[in-house]
Amino acid sequence: RLADGRLRHYGHDEIGGVDRPVYIESENLGLDWREHVRAAGDGDPMAMTKCPWAPYWLTVVDPGRDGRFECLVSRTGPGGTVDARYPVAVRKTALVDCVRQPLPLVRRKRWLCAAQDLAPDGGRGYIAVVLLSDDDGKTWRRIDLDHYVRDAEKVLPRDGLPRWNNGCCEPSVAELSDGTLLMIVRATPGNHYSYVSKDGGETWTGPAKLPQFYASNTMPTLLRLSDGRLLFIWNNTWPLPKGKASDYPELAGSWELTGVAEIVFTNRDAVHAAISDDDGRTWKGFRELLLNPIRNDADYRR
């Protein structure tokens, strides 16, 4: 959100096989959007988070998409100029990915950035990672959540082949009213899982199964609202049973034939939301926000 109320969402598109950095912008609170191409080197820091204890905005980006992150600080915020850049030494593998905007921990005046990396013990999938800064983004420490959900070979009783397994990835974190941190992660077995930290992200307990949130290999999003309630958004879906690759002659790519991405097309078509007014102990709502309008079309995969 810019200072004048405009909303922006940054990303990439592909026109004629050419990848372009773009953003879409709305001037009426999200009812209508226009796409704009971002010029290379235009200095826009993109989406940022406002610091609640000092007059600046902060973000962590991967400018080269190679796991070498950079912390950007701006006095004018998103859409403005970058006033400081600091390296963020987080790389252990080439697949480390920073998937969330930094979270300011108000009770500790600490920044936390949730990320993910490959599981270190030879297991398939990912682990959750948090990056911590106590000096306004100048330096960062990395904490690995090595205890993760192990491979779930089958999710549904009629599965004929092993599933694509992700461990615990795409973490989403919220600071609760007493300073406790709640993290919810993506996993394979059929539900989202959670971690909890009582010391500002230094140590974590979990993962614990969240039996009320059904999902398999989809991204959770956890937000703390200005009135203190928690909002959780997720795909309340399970994938279709997994048969043999020979049952699906339309599969062409190596990822599809080996089962790596088969569930992308069968369990990401229903978005739900739930809300909690007691720091996540209980939830209500569980409302369907949107069904993909082409979810039952014969060419849905395409």
C-alpha atoms as a PDB file:
ATOM      1  CA  ARG A   1       0.000   0.000   0.000  1.00  0.00           C
ATOM      2  CA  LEU A   2       1.501   3.336  -1.083  1.00  0.00           C
ATOM      3  CA  ALA A   3       1.238   6.513   0.971  1.00  0.00           C
ATOM      4  CA  ASP A   4      -1.545   7.851  -1.282  1.00  0.00           C
ATOM      5  CA  GLY A   5      -3.658   4.682  -0.867  1.00  0.00           C
ATOM      6  CA  ARG A   6      -2.836   2.922  -4.114  1.00  0.00           C
ATOM      7  CA  LEU A   7      -2.340  -0.851  -3.882  1.00  0.00           C
ATOM      8  CA  ARG A   8       0.441  -2.686  -5.694  1.00  0.00           C
ATOM      9  CA  HIS A   9       1.239  -6.351  -6.200  1.00  0.00           C
ATOM     10  CA  TYR A  10       4.665  -7.141  -7.668  1.00  0.00           C
ATOM     11  CA  GLY A  11       5.644 -10.147  -9.755  1.00  0.00           C
ATOM     12  CA  HIS A  12       6.535 -11.375 -13.246  1.00  0.00           C
ATOM     13  CA  ASP A  13       4.697 -12.255 -16.424  1.00  0.00           C
ATOM     14  CA  GLU A  14       5.764 -13.855 -19.673  1.00  0.00           C
ATOM     15  CA  ILE A  15       4.968 -12.398 -23.089  1.00  0.00           C
ATOM     16  CA  GLY A  16       6.234 -14.249 -26.162  1.00  0.00           C
ATOM     17  CA  GLY A  17       8.592 -16.333 -24.037  1.00  0.00           C
ATOM     18  CA  VAL A  18      10.177 -13.241 -22.474  1.00  0.00           C
ATOM     19  CA  ASP A  19      10.033 -12.885 -18.680  1.00  0.00           C
ATOM     20  CA  ARG A  20       9.122  -9.354 -17.571  1.00  0.00           C
ATOM     21  CA  PRO A  21       9.153  -7.775 -14.094  1.00  0.00           C
ATOM     22  CA  VAL A  22       5.754  -6.170 -13.585  1.00  0.00           C
ATOM     23  CA  TYR A  23       3.345  -4.883 -10.970  1.00  0.00           C
ATOM     24  CA  ILE A  24      -0.413  -4.501 -10.987  1.00  0.00           C
ATOM     25  CA  GLU A  25      -1.883  -1.410  -9.364  1.00  0.00           C
ATOM     26  CA  SER A  26      -5.322  -0.460  -8.067  1.00  0.00           C
ATOM     27  CA  GLU A  27      -6.607   3.031  -7.261  1.00  0.00           C
ATOM     28  CA  ASN A  28      -9.970   1.866  -5.865  1.00  0.00           C
ATOM     29  CA  LEU A  29      -9.083  -0.541  -3.036  1.00  0.00           C
ATOM     30  CA  GLY A  30      -8.609  -3.537  -5.300  1.00  0.00           C
ATOM     31  CA  LEU A  31     -11.791  -3.432  -7.366  1.00  0.00           C
ATOM     32  CA  ASP A  32      -9.890  -2.756 -10.601  1.00  0.00           C
ATOM     33  CA  TRP A  33      -6.254  -3.370 -11.537  1.00  0.00           C
ATOM     34  CA  ARG A  34      -3.865  -2.266 -14.290  1.00  0.00           C
ATOM     35  CA  GLU A  35      -0.554  -3.929 -15.145  1.00  0.00           C
ATOM     36  CA  HIS A  36       2.674  -1.907 -15.453  1.00  0.00           C
ATOM     37  CA  VAL A  37       6.077  -3.123 -16.654  1.00  0.00           C
ATOM     38  CA  ARG A  38       8.923  -2.320 -14.288  1.00  0.00           C
ATOM     39  CA  ALA A  39      11.975  -0.891 -16.015  1.00  0.00           C
ATOM     40  CA  ALA A  40      15.286  -2.552 -15.178  1.00  0.00           C
ATOM     41  CA  GLY A  41      17.151  -0.613 -12.521  1.00  0.00           C
ATOM     42  CA  ASP A  42      14.274   1.759 -11.799  1.00  0.00           C
ATOM     43  CA  GLY A  43      15.146   1.768  -8.081  1.00  0.00           C
ATOM     44  CA  ASP A  44      11.672   0.757  -6.884  1.00  0.00           C
ATOM     45  CA  PRO A  45      12.144  -1.267  -3.670  1.00  0.00           C
ATOM     46  CA  MET A  46       8.836  -3.067  -4.381  1.00  0.00           C
ATOM     47  CA  ALA A  47       6.655  -4.296  -1.514  1.00  0.00           C
ATOM     48  CA  MET A  48       7.903  -3.289   1.944  1.00  0.00           C
ATOM     49  CA  THR A  49       6.843  -3.487   5.584  1.00  0.00           C
ATOM     50  CA  LYS A  50       6.577  -0.390   7.781  1.00  0.00           C
ATOM     51  CA  CYS A  51       8.623  -0.501  10.978  1.00  0.00           C
ATOM     52  CA  PRO A  52       6.371   0.100  14.033  1.00  0.00           C
ATOM     53  CA  TRP A  53       9.165   1.549  16.218  1.00  0.00           C
ATOM     54  CA  ALA A  54      11.150   3.736  13.779  1.00  0.00           C
ATOM     55  CA  PRO A  55      10.392   5.843  10.651  1.00  0.00           C
ATOM     56  CA  TYR A  56      11.443   3.460   7.871  1.00  0.00           C
ATOM     57  CA  TRP A  57      10.234   0.566   5.693  1.00  0.00           C
ATOM     58  CA  LEU A  58      12.103  -2.716   5.184  1.00  0.00           C
ATOM     59  CA  THR A  59      12.083  -5.685   2.831  1.00  0.00           C
ATOM     60  CA  VAL A  60      14.288  -8.687   2.000  1.00  0.00           C
ATOM     61  CA  VAL A  61      14.684  -9.609  -1.670  1.00  0.00           C
ATOM     62  CA  ASP A  62      16.601 -12.072  -3.835  1.00  0.00           C
ATOM     63  CA  PRO A  63      17.546  -9.842  -6.789  1.00  0.00           C
ATOM     64  CA  GLY A  64      19.334 -12.570  -8.700  1.00  0.00           C
ATOM     65  CA  ARG A  65      17.021 -15.452  -7.762  1.00  0.00           C
ATOM     66  CA  ASP A  66      20.104 -17.371  -6.639  1.00  0.00           C
ATOM     67  CA  GLY A  67      19.704 -17.514  -2.867  1.00  0.00           C
ATOM     68  CA  ARG A  68      21.832 -14.403  -2.208  1.00  0.00           C
ATOM     69  CA  PHE A  69      19.445 -12.100  -0.402  1.00  0.00           C
ATOM     70  CA  GLU A  70      19.587  -8.386   0.247  1.00  0.00           C
ATOM     71  CA  CYS A  71      17.851  -6.235   2.857  1.00  0.00           C
ATOM     72  CA  LEU A  72      16.513  -2.922   1.541  1.00  0.00           C
ATOM     73  CA  VAL A  73      15.639   0.015   3.819  1.00  0.00           C
ATOM     74  CA  SER A  74      13.652   3.048   2.687  1.00  0.00           C
ATOM     75  CA  ARG A  75      12.541   6.212   4.474  1.00  0.00           C
ATOM     76  CA  THR A  76       9.749   6.762   1.934  1.00  0.00           C
ATOM     77  CA  GLY A  77       8.454   3.217   1.629  1.00  0.00           C
ATOM     78  CA  PRO A  78       7.154   1.180  -1.318  1.00  0.00           C
ATOM     79  CA  GLY A  79       7.249   3.092  -4.560  1.00  0.00           C
ATOM     80  CA  GLY A  80       9.983   5.362  -3.151  1.00  0.00           C
ATOM     81  CA  THR A  81      13.762   5.086  -3.090  1.00  0.00           C
ATOM     82  CA  VAL A  82      16.181   2.707  -1.367  1.00  0.00           C
ATOM     83  CA  ASP A  83      18.300   4.460   1.279  1.00  0.00           C
ATOM     84  CA  ALA A  84      20.359   1.460   2.462  1.00  0.00           C
ATOM     85  CA  ARG A  85      21.236  -2.040   1.283  1.00  0.00           C
ATOM     86  CA  TYR A  86      22.582  -4.805   3.523  1.00  0.00           C
ATOM     87  CA  PRO A  87      23.639  -8.348   2.531  1.00  0.00           C
ATOM     88  CA  VAL A  88      21.700 -11.206   4.095  1.00  0.00           C
ATOM     89  CA  ALA A  89      23.944 -14.278   4.343  1.00  0.00           C
ATOM     90  CA  VAL A  90      21.394 -17.097   4.286  1.00  0.00           C
ATOM     91  CA  ARG A  91      22.467 -19.335   1.432  1.00  0.00           C
ATOM     92  CA  LYS A  92      23.149 -23.002   2.134  1.00  0.00           C
ATOM     93  CA  THR A  93      21.777 -24.460  -1.084  1.00  0.00           C
ATOM     94  CA  ALA A  94      20.812 -22.934  -4.402  1.00  0.00           C
ATOM     95  CA  LEU A  95      17.151 -23.592  -3.604  1.00  0.00           C
ATOM     96  CA  VAL A  96      16.823 -21.424  -0.497  1.00  0.00           C
ATOM     97  CA  ASP A  97      13.774 -19.255  -1.059  1.00  0.00           C
ATOM     98  CA  CYS A  98      12.433 -16.268   0.838  1.00  0.00           C
ATOM     99  CA  VAL A  99       8.687 -16.445   0.412  1.00  0.00           C
ATOM    100  CA  ARG A 100       7.333 -13.857   2.861  1.00  0.00           C
ATOM    101  CA  GLN A 101       7.629 -10.181   3.662  1.00  0.00           C
ATOM    102  CA  PRO A 102       9.610  -9.484   6.873  1.00  0.00           C
ATOM    103  CA  LEU A 103       7.573  -9.479  10.085  1.00  0.00           C
ATOM    104  CA  PRO A 104       8.330  -6.848  12.766  1.00  0.00           C
ATOM    105  CA  LEU A 105       8.206  -8.434  16.245  1.00  0.00           C
ATOM    106  CA  VAL A 106       6.888  -5.496  18.226  1.00  0.00           C
ATOM    107  CA  ARG A 107       7.588  -6.823  21.725  1.00  0.00           C
ATOM    108  CA  ARG A 108      11.292  -7.381  20.931  1.00  0.00           C
ATOM    109  CA  LYS A 109      11.952  -4.743  18.248  1.00  0.00           C
ATOM    110  CA  ARG A 110      13.231  -7.595  16.098  1.00  0.00           C
ATOM    111  CA  TRP A 111      12.671  -8.423  12.434  1.00  0.00           C
ATOM    112  CA  LEU A 112      11.812 -11.967  11.347  1.00  0.00           C
ATOM    113  CA  CYS A 113      11.764 -13.194   7.766  1.00  0.00           C
ATOM    114  CA  ALA A 114      10.344 -16.655   7.061  1.00  0.00           C
ATOM    115  CA  ALA A 115      11.969 -18.726   4.315  1.00  0.00           C
ATOM    116  CA  GLN A 116      12.636 -22.336   3.329  1.00  0.00           C
ATOM    117  CA  ASP A 117      15.569 -24.503   2.258  1.00  0.00           C
ATOM    118  CA  LEU A 118      16.239 -28.090   1.254  1.00  0.00           C
ATOM    119  CA  ALA A 119      16.072 -30.667   4.038  1.00  0.00           C
ATOM    120  CA  PRO A 120      19.683 -31.164   5.224  1.00  0.00           C
ATOM    121  CA  ASP A 121      19.568 -34.859   6.166  1.00  0.00           C
ATOM    122  CA  GLY A 122      19.021 -36.373   2.752  1.00  0.00           C
ATOM    123  CA  GLY A 123      15.273 -36.535   3.191  1.00  0.00           C
ATOM    124  CA  ARG A 124      13.005 -35.322   0.458  1.00  0.00           C
ATOM    125  CA  GLY A 125      11.434 -31.909   0.713  1.00  0.00           C
ATOM    126  CA  TYR A 126      12.160 -28.710   2.580  1.00  0.00           C
ATOM    127  CA  ILE A 127      12.579 -27.288   6.049  1.00  0.00           C
ATOM    128  CA  ALA A 128      11.320 -23.956   7.345  1.00  0.00           C
ATOM    129  CA  VAL A 129      13.934 -21.260   8.005  1.00  0.00           C
ATOM    130  CA  VAL A 130      13.693 -17.963   9.883  1.00  0.00           C
ATOM    131  CA  LEU A 131      16.065 -15.016   9.504  1.00  0.00           C
ATOM    132  CA  LEU A 132      16.390 -12.706  12.527  1.00  0.00           C
ATOM    133  CA  SER A 133      17.702  -9.147  12.775  1.00  0.00           C
ATOM    134  CA  ASP A 134      18.055  -7.079  15.976  1.00  0.00           C
ATOM    135  CA  ASP A 135      19.716  -4.047  14.373  1.00  0.00           C
ATOM    136  CA  ASP A 136      17.102  -2.796  11.888  1.00  0.00           C
ATOM    137  CA  GLY A 137      18.198  -5.086   9.076  1.00  0.00           C
ATOM    138  CA  LYS A 138      21.944  -4.416   9.123  1.00  0.00           C
ATOM    139  CA  THR A 139      22.835  -8.005  10.098  1.00  0.00           C
ATOM    140  CA  TRP A 140      20.834 -11.241  10.092  1.00  0.00           C
ATOM    141  CA  ARG A 141      21.059 -14.677  11.727  1.00  0.00           C
ATOM    142  CA  ARG A 142      19.605 -17.886  10.312  1.00  0.00           C
ATOM    143  CA  ILE A 143      17.640 -20.417  12.391  1.00  0.00           C
ATOM    144  CA  ASP A 144      16.799 -23.787  10.786  1.00  0.00           C
ATOM    145  CA  LEU A 145      13.761 -25.805  11.871  1.00  0.00           C
ATOM    146  CA  ASP A 146      15.386 -29.183  11.195  1.00  0.00           C
ATOM    147  CA  HIS A 147      12.532 -31.168  12.771  1.00  0.00           C
ATOM    148  CA  TYR A 148      10.006 -31.480   9.951  1.00  0.00           C
ATOM    149  CA  VAL A 149       7.217 -33.702   8.632  1.00  0.00           C
ATOM    150  CA  ARG A 150       8.863 -36.698   6.995  1.00  0.00           C
ATOM    151  CA  ASP A 151       7.803 -38.244   3.703  1.00  0.00           C
ATOM    152  CA  ALA A 152       4.167 -39.252   3.396  1.00  0.00           C
ATOM    153  CA  GLU A 153       4.234 -41.910   0.696  1.00  0.00           C
ATOM    154  CA  LYS A 154       0.463 -41.912   0.297  1.00  0.00           C
ATOM    155  CA  VAL A 155      -2.140 -39.315   1.169  1.00  0.00           C
ATOM    156  CA  LEU A 156      -5.341 -41.046   0.090  1.00  0.00           C
ATOM    157  CA  PRO A 157      -6.280 -44.748   0.464  1.00  0.00           C
ATOM    158  CA  ARG A 158      -6.540 -45.257  -3.312  1.00  0.00           C
ATOM    159  CA  ASP A 159      -3.119 -43.776  -4.113  1.00  0.00           C
ATOM    160  CA  GLY A 160      -1.271 -46.101  -6.441  1.00  0.00           C
ATOM    161  CA  LEU A 161       2.101 -44.342  -6.391  1.00  0.00           C
ATOM    162  CA  PRO A 162       4.087 -42.228  -3.892  1.00  0.00           C
ATOM    163  CA  ARG A 163       3.202 -38.554  -3.567  1.00  0.00           C
ATOM    164  CA  TRP A 164       5.259 -35.470  -4.204  1.00  0.00           C
ATOM    165  CA  ASN A 165       6.656 -34.733  -0.724  1.00  0.00           C
ATOM    166  CA  ASN A 166       7.601 -31.279   0.519  1.00  0.00           C
ATOM    167  CA  GLY A 167       8.538 -31.670   4.188  1.00  0.00           C
ATOM    168  CA  CYS A 168       7.600 -28.357   5.847  1.00  0.00           C
ATOM    169  CA  CYS A 169       7.812 -25.353   3.556  1.00  0.00           C
ATOM    170  CA  GLU A 170       6.318 -21.932   2.713  1.00  0.00           C
ATOM    171  CA  PRO A 171       6.070 -20.904   6.402  1.00  0.00           C
ATOM    172  CA  SER A 172       3.749 -18.106   7.509  1.00  0.00           C
ATOM    173  CA  VAL A 173       4.300 -16.483  10.935  1.00  0.00           C
ATOM    174  CA  ALA A 174       2.264 -14.240  13.246  1.00  0.00           C
ATOM    175  CA  GLU A 175       3.159 -12.658  16.593  1.00  0.00           C
ATOM    176  CA  LEU A 176       0.509 -13.369  19.241  1.00  0.00           C
ATOM    177  CA  SER A 177      -0.619 -10.990  21.972  1.00  0.00           C
ATOM    178  CA  ASP A 178       1.901 -12.306  24.537  1.00  0.00           C
ATOM    179  CA  GLY A 179       4.830 -12.297  22.105  1.00  0.00           C
ATOM    180  CA  THR A 180       4.585 -15.997  21.237  1.00  0.00           C
ATOM    181  CA  LEU A 181       5.190 -16.740  17.553  1.00  0.00           C
ATOM    182  CA  LEU A 182       2.853 -19.040  15.645  1.00  0.00           C
ATOM    183  CA  MET A 183       4.095 -20.525  12.362  1.00  0.00           C
ATOM    184  CA  ILE A 184       1.940 -22.542   9.967  1.00  0.00           C
ATOM    185  CA  VAL A 185       3.597 -24.530   7.173  1.00  0.00           C
ATOM    186  CA  ARG A 186       2.716 -26.427   4.040  1.00  0.00           C
ATOM    187  CA  ALA A 187       3.060 -30.222   4.239  1.00  0.00           C
ATOM    188  CA  THR A 188       2.102 -33.326   2.267  1.00  0.00           C
ATOM    189  CA  PRO A 189       0.107 -35.730   4.487  1.00  0.00           C
ATOM    190  CA  GLY A 190      -3.292 -33.988   4.330  1.00  0.00           C
ATOM    191  CA  ASN A 191      -3.247 -31.160   6.896  1.00  0.00           C
ATOM    192  CA  HIS A 192      -1.321 -28.011   7.643  1.00  0.00           C
ATOM    193  CA  TYR A 193       1.173 -28.164  10.529  1.00  0.00           C
ATOM    194  CA  SER A 194       2.278 -25.582  13.090  1.00  0.00           C
ATOM    195  CA  TYR A 195       5.378 -24.553  15.067  1.00  0.00           C
ATOM    196  CA  VAL A 196       5.514 -22.311  18.154  1.00  0.00           C
ATOM    197  CA  SER A 197       8.335 -20.136  19.503  1.00  0.00           C
ATOM    198  CA  LYS A 198       8.370 -18.559  22.969  1.00  0.00           C
ATOM    199  CA  ASP A 199      11.710 -16.741  22.574  1.00  0.00           C
ATOM    200  CA  GLY A 200      11.294 -14.553  19.529  1.00  0.00           C
ATOM    201  CA  GLY A 201      12.206 -17.182  16.960  1.00  0.00           C
ATOM    202  CA  GLU A 202      15.377 -18.576  18.546  1.00  0.00           C
ATOM    203  CA  THR A 203      13.895 -22.032  19.219  1.00  0.00           C
ATOM    204  CA  TRP A 204      10.729 -23.740  17.987  1.00  0.00           C
ATOM    205  CA  THR A 205       8.518 -26.649  19.058  1.00  0.00           C
ATOM    206  CA  GLY A 206       6.652 -28.718  16.476  1.00  0.00           C
ATOM    207  CA  PRO A 207       5.598 -29.580  13.911  1.00  0.00           C
ATOM    208  CA  ALA A 208       2.105 -30.249  15.268  1.00  0.00           C
ATOM    209  CA  LYS A 209      -0.755 -31.368  13.033  1.00  0.00           C
ATOM    210  CA  LEU A 210      -3.647 -28.899  12.683  1.00  0.00           C
ATOM    211  CA  PRO A 211      -6.588 -31.316  12.337  1.00  0.00           C
ATOM    212  CA  GLN A 212      -9.083 -28.570  11.486  1.00  0.00           C
ATOM    213  CA  PHE A 213      -7.174 -27.359   8.410  1.00  0.00           C
ATOM    214  CA  TYR A 214      -7.310 -29.923   5.617  1.00  0.00           C
ATOM    215  CA  ALA A 215      -4.764 -29.356   2.848  1.00  0.00           C
ATOM    216  CA  SER A 216      -2.035 -31.142   0.934  1.00  0.00           C
ATOM    217  CA  ASN A 217       0.965 -29.345  -0.541  1.00  0.00           C
ATOM    218  CA  THR A 218      -0.591 -25.869  -0.700  1.00  0.00           C
ATOM    219  CA  MET A 219       0.531 -22.556   0.771  1.00  0.00           C
ATOM    220  CA  PRO A 220      -0.948 -21.258   4.057  1.00  0.00           C
ATOM    221  CA  THR A 221      -1.213 -17.543   4.813  1.00  0.00           C
ATOM    222  CA  LEU A 222      -1.497 -16.315   8.406  1.00  0.00           C
ATOM    223  CA  LEU A 223      -2.199 -12.639   9.178  1.00  0.00           C
ATOM    224  CA  ARG A 224      -2.638 -10.699  12.409  1.00  0.00           C
ATOM    225  CA  LEU A 225      -5.274  -8.002  11.992  1.00  0.00           C
ATOM    226  CA  SER A 226      -5.102  -4.530  13.546  1.00  0.00           C
ATOM    227  CA  ASP A 227      -7.755  -5.521  16.126  1.00  0.00           C
ATOM    228  CA  GLY A 228      -5.621  -8.478  17.273  1.00  0.00           C
ATOM    229  CA  ARG A 229      -7.565 -11.291  15.621  1.00  0.00           C
ATOM    230  CA  LEU A 230      -5.822 -13.879  13.441  1.00  0.00           C
ATOM    231  CA  LEU A 231      -6.924 -14.487   9.862  1.00  0.00           C
ATOM    232  CA  PHE A 232      -5.951 -17.726   8.146  1.00  0.00           C
ATOM    233  CA  ILE A 233      -6.335 -18.312   4.384  1.00  0.00           C
ATOM    234  CA  TRP A 234      -5.742 -21.711   2.772  1.00  0.00           C
ATOM    235  CA  ASN A 235      -6.882 -24.193   0.118  1.00  0.00           C
ATOM    236  CA  ASN A 236      -9.354 -26.413   1.952  1.00  0.00           C
ATOM    237  CA  THR A 237      -8.792 -29.300  -0.451  1.00  0.00           C
ATOM    238  CA  TRP A 238      -7.232 -32.710  -0.891  1.00  0.00           C
ATOM    239  CA  PRO A 239      -5.863 -33.960  -4.215  1.00  0.00           C
ATOM    240  CA  LEU A 240      -7.538 -36.580  -6.356  1.00  0.00           C
ATOM    241  CA  PRO A 241      -6.265 -40.151  -5.838  1.00  0.00           C
ATOM    242  CA  LYS A 242      -2.933 -40.697  -7.561  1.00  0.00           C
ATOM    243  CA  GLY A 243      -2.856 -43.434 -10.194  1.00  0.00           C
ATOM    244  CA  LYS A 244      -0.029 -44.717 -12.358  1.00  0.00           C
ATOM    245  CA  ALA A 245       1.582 -42.433 -14.903  1.00  0.00           C
ATOM    246  CA  SER A 246       0.398 -44.748 -17.697  1.00  0.00           C
ATOM    247  CA  ASP A 247      -3.194 -43.924 -16.725  1.00  0.00           C
ATOM    248  CA  TYR A 248      -2.718 -40.350 -17.925  1.00  0.00           C
ATOM    249  CA  PRO A 249      -1.479 -40.291 -21.556  1.00  0.00           C
ATOM    250  CA  GLU A 250      -1.726 -36.495 -21.612  1.00  0.00           C
ATOM    251  CA  LEU A 251       1.154 -36.145 -19.173  1.00  0.00           C
ATOM    252  CA  ALA A 252       4.221 -34.970 -21.043  1.00  0.00           C
ATOM    253  CA  GLY A 253       6.806 -33.260 -18.852  1.00  0.00           C
ATOM    254  CA  SER A 254       9.312 -35.157 -16.727  1.00  0.00           C
ATOM    255  CA  TRP A 255       7.948 -33.519 -13.570  1.00  0.00           C
ATOM    256  CA  GLU A 256       4.452 -34.745 -14.344  1.00  0.00           C
ATOM    257  CA  LEU A 257       5.537 -38.256 -15.307  1.00  0.00           C
ATOM    258  CA  THR A 258       7.496 -38.696 -12.075  1.00  0.00           C
ATOM    259  CA  GLY A 259       4.673 -37.266  -9.972  1.00  0.00           C
ATOM    260  CA  VAL A 260       6.490 -34.136  -8.792  1.00  0.00           C
ATOM    261  CA  ALA A 261       3.753 -31.695  -9.796  1.00  0.00           C
ATOM    262  CA  GLU A 262       0.688 -33.847 -10.293  1.00  0.00           C
ATOM    263  CA  ILE A 263      -1.325 -32.285  -7.482  1.00  0.00           C
ATOM    264  CA  VAL A 264      -1.015 -28.740  -8.766  1.00  0.00           C
ATOM    265  CA  PHE A 265      -4.069 -29.389 -10.924  1.00  0.00           C
ATOM    266  CA  THR A 266      -6.348 -31.134  -8.459  1.00  0.00           C
ATOM    267  CA  ASN A 267      -6.189 -29.361  -5.102  1.00  0.00           C
ATOM    268  CA  ARG A 268      -5.700 -25.623  -5.590  1.00  0.00           C
ATOM    269  CA  ASP A 269      -9.154 -24.627  -6.748  1.00  0.00           C
ATOM    270  CA  ALA A 270     -10.986 -23.763  -3.488  1.00  0.00           C
ATOM    271  CA  VAL A 271      -9.856 -20.894  -1.253  1.00  0.00           C
ATOM    272  CA  HIS A 272     -11.157 -20.697   2.325  1.00  0.00           C
ATOM    273  CA  ALA A 273     -10.717 -18.430   5.347  1.00  0.00           C
ATOM    274  CA  ALA A 274     -11.058 -18.817   9.105  1.00  0.00           C
ATOM    275  CA  ILE A 275     -10.611 -16.329  11.938  1.00  0.00           C
ATOM    276  CA  SER A 276      -9.536 -16.592  15.583  1.00  0.00           C
ATOM    277  CA  ASP A 277     -10.069 -14.121  18.429  1.00  0.00           C
ATOM    278  CA  ASP A 278      -8.095 -16.139  21.025  1.00  0.00           C
ATOM    279  CA  ASP A 279      -4.609 -16.298  19.461  1.00  0.00           C
ATOM    280  CA  GLY A 280      -5.320 -19.433  17.445  1.00  0.00           C
ATOM    281  CA  ARG A 281      -6.673 -21.662  20.194  1.00  0.00           C
ATOM    282  CA  THR A 282     -10.061 -21.846  18.434  1.00  0.00           C
ATOM    283  CA  TRP A 283     -11.186 -20.873  14.929  1.00  0.00           C
ATOM    284  CA  LYS A 284     -14.509 -19.992  13.344  1.00  0.00           C
ATOM    285  CA  GLY A 285     -15.773 -19.134   9.899  1.00  0.00           C
ATOM    286  CA  PHE A 286     -14.200 -21.703   7.572  1.00  0.00           C
ATOM    287  CA  ARG A 287     -15.878 -19.819   4.719  1.00  0.00           C
ATOM    288  CA  GLU A 288     -15.351 -20.584   1.076  1.00  0.00           C
ATOM    289  CA  LEU A 289     -14.039 -17.445  -0.628  1.00  0.00           C
ATOM    290  CA  LEU A 290     -13.696 -18.674  -4.194  1.00  0.00           C
ATOM    291  CA  LEU A 291     -13.988 -21.756  -6.373  1.00  0.00           C
ATOM    292  CA  ASN A 292     -11.985 -21.751  -9.574  1.00  0.00           C
ATOM    293  CA  PRO A 293     -14.677 -21.250 -12.246  1.00  0.00           C
ATOM    294  CA  ILE A 294     -13.004 -23.717 -14.661  1.00  0.00           C
ATOM    295  CA  ARG A 295     -12.287 -26.419 -12.079  1.00  0.00           C
ATOM    296  CA  ASN A 296     -14.536 -28.960 -13.858  1.00  0.00           C
ATOM    297  CA  ASP A 297     -13.538 -28.134 -17.433  1.00  0.00           C
ATOM    298  CA  ALA A 298     -11.947 -30.883 -19.509  1.00  0.00           C
ATOM    299  CA  ASP A 299      -8.924 -28.678 -20.317  1.00  0.00           C
ATOM    300  CA  TYR A 300      -8.408 -27.478 -16.727  1.00  0.00           C
ATOM    301  CA  ARG A 301      -4.764 -28.584 -16.741  1.00  0.00           C
ATOM    302  CA  ARG A 302      -4.012 -26.258 -19.646  1.00  0.00           C
END
